[in-house]
Amino acid sequence: MTDPETVPLEHVQSRILVLREQRVVLDRDLAALYGVPTFRLNETVKRNADRFPADFRFQLTAEESGRLTSQSAISKPGRGGRRTLPWAFTEHGALMAATILNSPRAVQMSVVIVRA
């Protein structure tokens, strides 16, 4: 794993999308930045759902996910890809995820994400 201090700001900025007029990071990208598997991030968030109001994260619709798939932002179904719709985390949601993951890398990367 790379040191959060050495992650180029452009690398983080390239993972930020605009969906529903909000700047968000998809769960798979946030998990990669925090150094955990996507399923572990989503599992931890689900266990702490009360910490994630609607303005912290939302699940993409099939249409939104389809648009991202067609733009190669996520893998196509049937090719080892996802079986569920992705979650999008706002800046506040990304910070909250770092606190519940409780790892030094997640805390350090949350600072990089806010700066991006």
C-alpha atoms as a PDB file:
ATOM      1  CA  MET A   1       0.000   0.000   0.000  1.00  0.00           C
ATOM      2  CA  THR A   2       1.148   3.485  -0.734  1.00  0.00           C
ATOM      3  CA  ASP A   3       1.696   6.109   1.903  1.00  0.00           C
ATOM      4  CA  PRO A   4      -1.198   8.621   1.911  1.00  0.00           C
ATOM      5  CA  GLU A   5       1.340  11.455   1.959  1.00  0.00           C
ATOM      6  CA  THR A   6       2.697  10.325  -1.411  1.00  0.00           C
ATOM      7  CA  VAL A   7      -0.670   9.937  -3.175  1.00  0.00           C
ATOM      8  CA  PRO A   8      -0.856  12.646  -5.844  1.00  0.00           C
ATOM      9  CA  LEU A   9      -3.785  15.001  -5.380  1.00  0.00           C
ATOM     10  CA  GLU A  10      -4.673  14.437  -9.046  1.00  0.00           C
ATOM     11  CA  HIS A  11      -5.136  10.713  -8.326  1.00  0.00           C
ATOM     12  CA  VAL A  12      -7.783  11.509  -5.734  1.00  0.00           C
ATOM     13  CA  GLN A  13      -9.355  14.264  -7.843  1.00  0.00           C
ATOM     14  CA  SER A  14      -9.795  11.850 -10.749  1.00  0.00           C
ATOM     15  CA  ARG A  15     -12.001   9.665  -8.541  1.00  0.00           C
ATOM     16  CA  ILE A  16     -14.387  12.478  -7.672  1.00  0.00           C
ATOM     17  CA  LEU A  17     -17.562  12.462  -9.756  1.00  0.00           C
ATOM     18  CA  VAL A  18     -20.504  14.836  -9.942  1.00  0.00           C
ATOM     19  CA  LEU A  19     -23.786  12.989  -9.443  1.00  0.00           C
ATOM     20  CA  ARG A  20     -27.098  14.595  -8.532  1.00  0.00           C
ATOM     21  CA  GLU A  21     -25.289  17.940  -8.489  1.00  0.00           C
ATOM     22  CA  GLN A  22     -22.964  16.760  -5.713  1.00  0.00           C
ATOM     23  CA  ARG A  23     -19.286  15.898  -5.697  1.00  0.00           C
ATOM     24  CA  VAL A  24     -19.021  12.265  -4.641  1.00  0.00           C
ATOM     25  CA  VAL A  25     -16.646   9.316  -4.507  1.00  0.00           C
ATOM     26  CA  LEU A  26     -17.957   5.849  -5.359  1.00  0.00           C
ATOM     27  CA  ASP A  27     -17.667   3.160  -2.703  1.00  0.00           C
ATOM     28  CA  ARG A  28     -15.109   1.143  -4.686  1.00  0.00           C
ATOM     29  CA  ASP A  29     -12.852   4.191  -5.097  1.00  0.00           C
ATOM     30  CA  LEU A  30     -13.226   5.214  -1.462  1.00  0.00           C
ATOM     31  CA  ALA A  31     -12.424   1.674  -0.333  1.00  0.00           C
ATOM     32  CA  ALA A  32      -9.313   1.635  -2.539  1.00  0.00           C
ATOM     33  CA  LEU A  33      -8.157   4.968  -1.133  1.00  0.00           C
ATOM     34  CA  TYR A  34      -8.731   3.746   2.422  1.00  0.00           C
ATOM     35  CA  GLY A  35      -7.011   0.416   1.731  1.00  0.00           C
ATOM     36  CA  VAL A  36      -9.962  -1.886   2.433  1.00  0.00           C
ATOM     37  CA  PRO A  37     -12.071  -4.143   0.200  1.00  0.00           C
ATOM     38  CA  THR A  38     -15.293  -2.555  -1.079  1.00  0.00           C
ATOM     39  CA  PHE A  39     -17.443  -5.162   0.643  1.00  0.00           C
ATOM     40  CA  ARG A  40     -15.749  -4.366   3.982  1.00  0.00           C
ATOM     41  CA  LEU A  41     -16.392  -0.633   3.587  1.00  0.00           C
ATOM     42  CA  ASN A  42     -20.056  -1.205   2.745  1.00  0.00           C
ATOM     43  CA  GLU A  43     -20.445  -3.774   5.529  1.00  0.00           C
ATOM     44  CA  THR A  44     -19.015  -1.357   8.105  1.00  0.00           C
ATOM     45  CA  VAL A  45     -21.173   1.499   6.848  1.00  0.00           C
ATOM     46  CA  LYS A  46     -24.272  -0.715   6.963  1.00  0.00           C
ATOM     47  CA  ARG A  47     -23.531  -1.605  10.598  1.00  0.00           C
ATOM     48  CA  ASN A  48     -23.301   2.121  11.365  1.00  0.00           C
ATOM     49  CA  ALA A  49     -26.177   3.297   9.152  1.00  0.00           C
ATOM     50  CA  ASP A  50     -27.346   5.852  11.721  1.00  0.00           C
ATOM     51  CA  ARG A  51     -24.108   7.803  11.092  1.00  0.00           C
ATOM     52  CA  PHE A  52     -24.884   8.159   7.372  1.00  0.00           C
ATOM     53  CA  PRO A  53     -27.923  10.341   6.668  1.00  0.00           C
ATOM     54  CA  ALA A  54     -29.048  10.794   3.057  1.00  0.00           C
ATOM     55  CA  ASP A  55     -26.760  13.802   2.544  1.00  0.00           C
ATOM     56  CA  PHE A  56     -23.689  11.676   3.437  1.00  0.00           C
ATOM     57  CA  ARG A  57     -24.256   8.840   0.950  1.00  0.00           C
ATOM     58  CA  PHE A  58     -26.782   7.546  -1.525  1.00  0.00           C
ATOM     59  CA  GLN A  59     -27.134   4.481  -3.696  1.00  0.00           C
ATOM     60  CA  LEU A  60     -26.960   4.984  -7.435  1.00  0.00           C
ATOM     61  CA  THR A  61     -29.993   4.165  -9.529  1.00  0.00           C
ATOM     62  CA  ALA A  62     -29.754   1.544 -12.260  1.00  0.00           C
ATOM     63  CA  GLU A  63     -29.779   4.375 -14.820  1.00  0.00           C
ATOM     64  CA  GLU A  64     -26.905   6.229 -13.111  1.00  0.00           C
ATOM     65  CA  SER A  65     -24.931   3.016 -12.806  1.00  0.00           C
ATOM     66  CA  GLY A  66     -25.606   2.240 -16.462  1.00  0.00           C
ATOM     67  CA  ARG A  67     -24.258   5.626 -17.515  1.00  0.00           C
ATOM     68  CA  LEU A  68     -21.083   5.028 -15.524  1.00  0.00           C
ATOM     69  CA  THR A  69     -20.720   1.540 -17.000  1.00  0.00           C
ATOM     70  CA  SER A  70     -21.014   2.912 -20.521  1.00  0.00           C
ATOM     71  CA  GLN A  71     -18.278   5.419 -19.691  1.00  0.00           C
ATOM     72  CA  SER A  72     -16.064   2.579 -18.362  1.00  0.00           C
ATOM     73  CA  ALA A  73     -16.149   3.961 -14.827  1.00  0.00           C
ATOM     74  CA  ILE A  74     -17.302   0.599 -13.486  1.00  0.00           C
ATOM     75  CA  SER A  75     -17.090  -2.943 -14.820  1.00  0.00           C
ATOM     76  CA  LYS A  76     -19.828  -4.486 -16.899  1.00  0.00           C
ATOM     77  CA  PRO A  77     -22.119  -7.082 -15.262  1.00  0.00           C
ATOM     78  CA  GLY A  78     -21.208 -10.695 -15.898  1.00  0.00           C
ATOM     79  CA  ARG A  79     -17.479 -10.005 -16.018  1.00  0.00           C
ATOM     80  CA  GLY A  80     -16.694 -10.391 -12.359  1.00  0.00           C
ATOM     81  CA  GLY A  81     -18.277  -7.029 -11.618  1.00  0.00           C
ATOM     82  CA  ARG A  82     -20.698  -5.941  -8.952  1.00  0.00           C
ATOM     83  CA  ARG A  83     -23.958  -7.584  -8.080  1.00  0.00           C
ATOM     84  CA  THR A  84     -25.356  -4.524  -6.299  1.00  0.00           C
ATOM     85  CA  LEU A  85     -25.680  -0.874  -7.227  1.00  0.00           C
ATOM     86  CA  PRO A  86     -22.766   1.302  -6.074  1.00  0.00           C
ATOM     87  CA  TRP A  87     -22.960   3.761  -3.207  1.00  0.00           C
ATOM     88  CA  ALA A  88     -21.802   7.351  -3.638  1.00  0.00           C
ATOM     89  CA  PHE A  89     -20.240   9.148  -0.666  1.00  0.00           C
ATOM     90  CA  THR A  90     -20.255  12.916  -0.292  1.00  0.00           C
ATOM     91  CA  GLU A  91     -17.357  14.681   1.413  1.00  0.00           C
ATOM     92  CA  HIS A  92     -19.070  14.312   4.798  1.00  0.00           C
ATOM     93  CA  GLY A  93     -19.779  10.651   4.124  1.00  0.00           C
ATOM     94  CA  ALA A  94     -16.167   9.996   3.173  1.00  0.00           C
ATOM     95  CA  LEU A  95     -15.013  11.566   6.439  1.00  0.00           C
ATOM     96  CA  MET A  96     -17.519   9.583   8.475  1.00  0.00           C
ATOM     97  CA  ALA A  97     -16.409   6.380   6.748  1.00  0.00           C
ATOM     98  CA  ALA A  98     -12.837   7.116   7.789  1.00  0.00           C
ATOM     99  CA  THR A  99     -13.888   7.460  11.415  1.00  0.00           C
ATOM    100  CA  ILE A 100     -15.805   4.173  11.515  1.00  0.00           C
ATOM    101  CA  LEU A 101     -13.059   2.256   9.705  1.00  0.00           C
ATOM    102  CA  ASN A 102     -10.757   3.451  12.477  1.00  0.00           C
ATOM    103  CA  SER A 103      -7.508   2.847  10.644  1.00  0.00           C
ATOM    104  CA  PRO A 104      -4.597   5.277  10.431  1.00  0.00           C
ATOM    105  CA  ARG A 105      -4.605   5.056   6.610  1.00  0.00           C
ATOM    106  CA  ALA A 106      -8.310   5.925   6.405  1.00  0.00           C
ATOM    107  CA  VAL A 107      -7.841   8.943   8.656  1.00  0.00           C
ATOM    108  CA  GLN A 108      -4.822  10.161   6.667  1.00  0.00           C
ATOM    109  CA  MET A 109      -6.544   9.626   3.313  1.00  0.00           C
ATOM    110  CA  SER A 110      -9.659  11.484   4.487  1.00  0.00           C
ATOM    111  CA  VAL A 111      -7.500  14.608   4.764  1.00  0.00           C
ATOM    112  CA  VAL A 112      -6.255  14.099   1.200  1.00  0.00           C
ATOM    113  CA  ILE A 113      -9.838  13.627  -0.025  1.00  0.00           C
ATOM    114  CA  VAL A 114     -11.016  16.844   1.616  1.00  0.00           C
ATOM    115  CA  ARG A 115      -8.107  18.719   0.058  1.00  0.00           C
ATOM    116  CA  ALA A 116      -9.019  17.310  -3.366  1.00  0.00           C
END
